[in-house]
């Protein structure tokens, strides 16, 4: 019985064959955009737009009566919100590194949103503020420790 020993050159050649395309440009991963499951457009916009201060970048529906898929943005953060049952599971957590967590905490608490009064917790990796949306997803804002 013989054993096939893969060398780095062999592994690279194998991956090219498996992909079916010649080697080209290097991989460049640009960013991450979490998809969060929602069940009510009104509740989602009340939370993400009115409370958290995101703006609606765009909306998409295949037809007017079908589920919404939308993008909301604030600063460099973009989140996708989806009513489509197969896009995401409720109960996800999104980790958002940031600066100015004290100001964000003051801003959010000043709005008097009836379903959240966020506070800041000290953690080994930084100061965090976690807020749950109406659908059980959690946004964990974190000002990283120096």
Protein backbone atom coordinates (compact mmCIF):
# COMPACT_ATOMS: atom_id res chain seq x y z
CA UNK A 1 0.00 0.00 0.00
CA UNK A 2 1.47 3.36 -0.94
CA UNK A 3 0.86 6.63 0.80
CA UNK A 4 0.51 9.84 -1.18
CA UNK A 5 2.60 12.57 0.39
CA UNK A 6 1.41 16.06 -0.53
CA UNK A 7 4.05 18.70 -0.97
CA UNK A 8 3.17 22.42 -0.90
CA UNK A 9 3.44 22.51 -4.69
CA UNK A 10 1.19 19.47 -5.00
CA UNK A 11 -1.39 20.97 -2.62
CA UNK A 12 -1.48 24.22 -4.62
CA UNK A 13 -1.85 22.34 -7.89
CA UNK A 14 -4.61 20.21 -6.38
CA UNK A 15 -6.57 23.26 -5.24
CA UNK A 16 -6.32 24.81 -8.69
CA UNK A 17 -7.62 21.63 -10.25
CA UNK A 18 -10.43 21.33 -7.70
CA UNK A 19 -11.51 24.94 -8.24
CA UNK A 20 -11.37 24.51 -11.99
CA UNK A 21 -9.84 27.92 -12.61
CA UNK A 22 -6.28 29.08 -12.98
CA UNK A 23 -4.57 30.94 -10.16
CA UNK A 24 -5.37 34.65 -10.31
CA UNK A 25 -5.52 37.66 -8.02
CA UNK A 26 -4.85 37.17 -4.29
CA UNK A 27 -7.82 36.92 -1.95
CA UNK A 28 -8.80 40.22 -0.35
CA UNK A 29 -11.63 39.94 2.20
CA UNK A 30 -13.12 43.42 2.51
CA UNK A 31 -15.58 43.47 5.39
CA UNK A 32 -18.28 41.61 7.27
CA UNK A 33 -21.95 42.51 7.12
CA UNK A 34 -24.03 40.56 9.64
CA UNK A 35 -27.55 39.55 8.65
CA UNK A 36 -30.03 39.78 11.53
CA UNK A 37 -33.45 38.15 11.50
CA UNK A 38 -36.39 40.46 12.12
CA UNK A 39 -40.13 39.81 12.37
CA UNK A 40 -41.58 43.32 12.14
CA UNK A 41 -40.34 46.16 9.96
CA UNK A 42 -41.93 48.75 12.25
CA UNK A 43 -40.27 47.34 15.39
CA UNK A 44 -36.94 46.95 13.57
CA UNK A 45 -36.94 50.56 12.36
CA UNK A 46 -38.05 51.84 15.76
CA UNK A 47 -35.05 50.07 17.30
CA UNK A 48 -32.28 50.42 14.69
CA UNK A 49 -33.20 53.80 13.16
CA UNK A 50 -35.03 55.71 15.87
CA UNK A 51 -33.22 54.37 18.96
CA UNK A 52 -29.72 53.37 17.79
CA UNK A 53 -29.41 56.12 15.18
CA UNK A 54 -28.78 53.97 12.10
CA UNK A 55 -29.97 55.21 8.72
CA UNK A 56 -31.76 53.01 6.22
CA UNK A 57 -29.37 52.67 3.26
CA UNK A 58 -31.70 50.62 1.07
CA UNK A 59 -34.64 48.24 1.11
CA UNK A 60 -35.52 45.29 -1.12
CA UNK A 61 -38.65 43.20 -1.57
CA UNK A 62 -39.33 40.88 -4.49
CA UNK A 63 -42.94 42.09 -4.38
CA UNK A 64 -44.74 44.53 -2.05
CA UNK A 65 -46.32 41.78 0.10
CA UNK A 66 -43.12 39.72 0.42
CA UNK A 67 -40.52 39.88 3.23
CA UNK A 68 -38.16 42.84 3.58
CA UNK A 69 -34.38 42.69 3.22
CA UNK A 70 -32.76 46.01 4.19
CA UNK A 71 -29.44 47.62 4.99
CA UNK A 72 -28.93 50.02 7.90
CA UNK A 73 -25.74 51.98 8.55
CA UNK A 74 -24.16 54.09 11.26
CA UNK A 75 -20.56 55.23 10.86
CA UNK A 76 -18.55 52.33 9.45
CA UNK A 77 -21.06 49.71 10.63
CA UNK A 78 -23.52 48.13 8.22
CA UNK A 79 -26.13 45.58 9.25
CA UNK A 80 -28.58 43.72 7.05
CA UNK A 81 -32.05 43.12 8.44
CA UNK A 82 -34.09 40.29 6.97
CA UNK A 83 -37.63 39.03 7.35
CA UNK A 84 -36.72 35.97 5.23
CA UNK A 85 -36.85 32.86 7.44
CA UNK A 86 -33.80 31.22 5.84
CA UNK A 87 -31.38 34.15 6.14
CA UNK A 88 -30.53 34.08 9.83
CA UNK A 89 -31.60 32.77 13.22
CA UNK A 90 -32.81 35.09 15.96
CA UNK A 91 -30.58 35.25 19.01
CA UNK A 92 -27.35 36.17 17.26
CA UNK A 93 -24.72 38.47 18.78
CA UNK A 94 -22.86 41.10 16.77
CA UNK A 95 -19.59 42.39 18.28
CA UNK A 96 -19.00 46.06 17.37
CA UNK A 97 -15.60 47.55 18.27
CA UNK A 98 -15.95 51.29 18.74
CA UNK A 99 -14.70 54.48 20.35
CA UNK A 100 -16.86 56.81 22.45
CA UNK A 101 -18.90 54.24 24.35
CA UNK A 102 -19.72 56.70 27.18
CA UNK A 103 -21.20 59.19 24.71
CA UNK A 104 -23.19 56.46 22.95
CA UNK A 105 -24.55 55.28 26.30
CA UNK A 106 -25.62 58.84 27.21
CA UNK A 107 -27.17 59.37 23.76
CA UNK A 108 -29.22 56.17 23.91
CA UNK A 109 -30.43 56.62 27.48
CA UNK A 110 -31.47 60.22 26.73
CA UNK A 111 -33.93 58.90 24.12
CA UNK A 112 -36.03 57.15 26.77
CA UNK A 113 -36.62 54.06 24.65
CA UNK A 114 -39.13 51.94 26.53
CA UNK A 115 -37.41 48.60 26.04
CA UNK A 116 -33.75 49.29 26.84
CA UNK A 117 -31.71 51.27 29.34
CA UNK A 118 -28.18 50.23 28.39
CA UNK A 119 -25.25 50.41 30.78
CA UNK A 120 -21.52 49.89 30.42
CA UNK A 121 -19.70 46.90 31.88
CA UNK A 122 -15.98 46.48 32.42
CA UNK A 123 -14.52 43.40 30.76
CA UNK A 124 -10.94 42.19 30.43
CA UNK A 125 -10.83 43.15 26.76
CA UNK A 126 -12.54 46.54 27.16
CA UNK A 127 -15.73 48.29 28.18
CA UNK A 128 -18.91 46.81 26.72
CA UNK A 129 -22.54 47.79 26.31
CA UNK A 130 -24.90 45.07 25.17
CA UNK A 131 -28.36 45.84 23.84
CA UNK A 132 -30.96 43.30 22.68
CA UNK A 133 -33.18 44.14 19.73
CA UNK A 134 -36.91 43.24 19.75
CA UNK A 135 -36.11 39.90 18.05
CA UNK A 136 -33.55 38.54 20.52
CA UNK A 137 -30.43 39.59 18.62
CA UNK A 138 -27.74 41.27 20.71
CA UNK A 139 -25.48 44.14 19.70
CA UNK A 140 -22.33 44.18 21.83
CA UNK A 141 -20.60 47.55 21.52
CA UNK A 142 -17.04 47.47 22.87
CA UNK A 143 -14.45 50.15 23.45
CA UNK A 144 -11.35 47.96 23.42
CA UNK A 145 -8.79 48.30 26.19
CA UNK A 146 -5.49 49.89 25.13
